[in-house]
Amino acid sequence: MNFPNNVKYTKDHEWVMLEGNVATIGVTDFAQRELGDIVFVDITGVGKALAAHEIFGTIEAVKTVSDLYLPMSGTITEVNADLESNPENVNNDPYGSGWMVKMTVDNPSEYDNLMDAAAYEASVG
């Protein structure tokens, strides 16, 4: 399983890469493996301001649907449009072409409260 060191993680299995005040967010390798084959991703639209831990969409696999939780407060500025026609990118490349949203964060210090790779790996066993 892949646990990149250049991102931080949530207990809800999202990852965050922060560059300045722009965060890129997706689901972890662990999450996509647990879900199985991803068939649909439904994400809240651009321009939507949300608080940390609010639901920003859902991810649908063959056997289940799961909510997606925003790790940080801010405004969604971009949704990965490729996931509309290629939801399997989440399975094939969760930290690359499978990213879900980009957002402008309200408080970059929230990033410090997220888990690093070692802590996340320990939490999922």
Protein backbone atom coordinates (compact mmCIF):
# COMPACT_ATOMS: atom_id res chain seq x y z
CA MET A 1 0.00 0.00 0.00
CA ASN A 2 1.16 3.50 -0.81
CA PHE A 3 1.57 6.21 1.89
CA PRO A 4 3.28 9.22 0.26
CA ASN A 5 5.14 11.55 2.63
CA ASN A 6 4.27 14.72 0.68
CA VAL A 7 0.62 14.71 1.79
CA LYS A 8 -1.27 14.58 5.08
CA TYR A 9 -4.15 12.28 5.97
CA THR A 10 -7.49 12.24 7.80
CA LYS A 11 -9.11 9.54 9.90
CA ASP A 12 -11.81 9.47 7.19
CA HIS A 13 -9.19 8.36 4.61
CA GLU A 14 -8.80 11.56 2.62
CA TRP A 15 -5.38 12.96 1.72
CA VAL A 16 -4.40 16.62 1.39
CA MET A 17 -1.50 18.27 -0.41
CA LEU A 18 -1.13 21.92 0.61
CA GLU A 19 0.72 24.40 -1.59
CA GLY A 20 0.46 27.90 -0.15
CA ASN A 21 -3.25 28.30 0.53
CA VAL A 22 -4.36 25.82 -2.16
CA ALA A 23 -5.18 22.27 -1.09
CA THR A 24 -5.59 19.30 -3.43
CA ILE A 25 -7.73 16.55 -1.91
CA GLY A 26 -8.47 12.93 -2.77
CA VAL A 27 -9.02 9.56 -1.12
CA THR A 28 -6.16 7.39 0.04
CA ASP A 29 -4.85 4.21 -1.49
CA PHE A 30 -6.21 2.37 1.56
CA ALA A 31 -9.71 3.82 0.99
CA GLN A 32 -9.89 2.96 -2.69
CA ARG A 33 -8.76 -0.62 -1.94
CA GLU A 34 -11.41 -0.99 0.76
CA LEU A 35 -14.14 0.41 -1.52
CA GLY A 36 -13.24 -1.73 -4.53
CA ASP A 37 -14.01 -0.72 -8.10
CA ILE A 38 -15.07 2.94 -8.17
CA VAL A 39 -17.94 3.51 -10.61
CA PHE A 40 -19.06 7.09 -9.85
CA VAL A 41 -17.83 10.19 -8.03
CA ASP A 42 -20.30 12.98 -7.16
CA ILE A 43 -18.63 16.15 -5.87
CA THR A 44 -20.01 19.49 -4.65
CA GLY A 45 -19.54 22.23 -7.20
CA VAL A 46 -16.98 24.95 -7.65
CA GLY A 47 -17.47 28.04 -5.52
CA LYS A 48 -18.97 26.18 -2.59
CA ALA A 49 -17.55 27.23 0.81
CA LEU A 50 -17.47 24.44 3.37
CA ALA A 51 -16.17 23.93 6.89
CA ALA A 52 -13.69 21.22 7.80
CA HIS A 53 -15.39 17.81 8.20
CA GLU A 54 -18.38 18.75 6.04
CA ILE A 55 -19.40 16.38 3.26
CA PHE A 56 -18.16 17.55 -0.14
CA GLY A 57 -19.45 14.63 -2.18
CA THR A 58 -19.86 10.89 -2.43
CA ILE A 59 -17.90 8.08 -3.98
CA GLU A 60 -19.72 5.05 -5.32
CA ALA A 61 -18.19 1.62 -5.68
CA VAL A 62 -19.85 -1.52 -7.04
CA LYS A 63 -21.22 -2.49 -3.60
CA THR A 64 -21.33 0.74 -1.55
CA VAL A 65 -21.58 4.52 -1.48
CA SER A 66 -19.40 6.55 0.92
CA ASP A 67 -19.41 10.20 1.90
CA LEU A 68 -16.34 12.36 1.27
CA TYR A 69 -15.36 14.72 4.09
CA LEU A 70 -13.46 17.96 3.58
CA PRO A 71 -10.27 17.92 5.69
CA MET A 72 -9.95 21.72 5.87
CA SER A 73 -12.25 24.75 5.73
CA GLY A 74 -12.35 26.71 2.50
CA THR A 75 -13.87 27.20 -0.92
CA ILE A 76 -13.77 24.59 -3.68
CA THR A 77 -12.08 26.13 -6.71
CA GLU A 78 -11.77 23.12 -9.01
CA VAL A 79 -13.31 19.67 -9.40
CA ASN A 80 -11.47 16.93 -11.28
CA ALA A 81 -13.73 16.74 -14.35
CA ASP A 82 -11.89 13.65 -15.63
CA LEU A 83 -13.50 11.60 -12.85
CA GLU A 84 -16.89 12.07 -14.51
CA SER A 85 -15.92 9.81 -17.40
CA ASN A 86 -13.02 7.98 -15.71
CA PRO A 87 -13.93 7.29 -12.05
CA GLU A 88 -11.50 4.34 -12.14
CA ASN A 89 -8.67 6.90 -11.92
CA VAL A 90 -9.34 6.89 -8.17
CA ASN A 91 -8.43 3.18 -8.12
CA ASN A 92 -5.56 3.41 -10.59
CA ASP A 93 -3.82 6.57 -9.31
CA PRO A 94 -5.40 7.89 -6.08
CA TYR A 95 -2.61 10.43 -5.41
CA GLY A 96 -2.28 11.54 -9.04
CA SER A 97 -5.00 11.54 -11.71
CA GLY A 98 -7.54 10.38 -9.10
CA TRP A 99 -7.48 13.65 -7.13
CA MET A 100 -10.97 15.03 -6.46
CA VAL A 101 -10.99 18.74 -5.62
CA LYS A 102 -8.77 21.76 -5.24
CA MET A 103 -9.72 24.44 -2.77
CA THR A 104 -8.55 27.73 -1.33
CA VAL A 105 -8.20 27.09 2.39
CA ASP A 106 -9.42 29.54 5.02
CA ASN A 107 -6.90 28.56 7.66
CA PRO A 108 -3.68 26.84 6.46
CA SER A 109 -2.80 25.96 10.08
CA GLU A 110 -5.56 23.28 9.99
CA TYR A 111 -3.08 21.27 7.91
CA ASP A 112 -0.93 20.85 11.03
CA ASN A 113 -3.76 18.91 12.71
CA LEU A 114 -3.77 16.19 10.04
CA MET A 115 -1.80 12.92 10.22
CA ASP A 116 1.55 12.41 8.56
CA ALA A 117 2.23 9.25 6.53
CA ALA A 118 3.60 7.26 9.51
CA ALA A 119 0.63 8.10 11.75
CA TYR A 120 -1.88 7.29 9.00
CA GLU A 121 -0.17 4.00 8.15
CA ALA A 122 -0.24 3.05 11.85
CA SER A 123 -3.94 3.95 12.06
CA VAL A 124 -4.94 1.62 9.21
CA GLY A 125 -2.69 -1.19 10.37
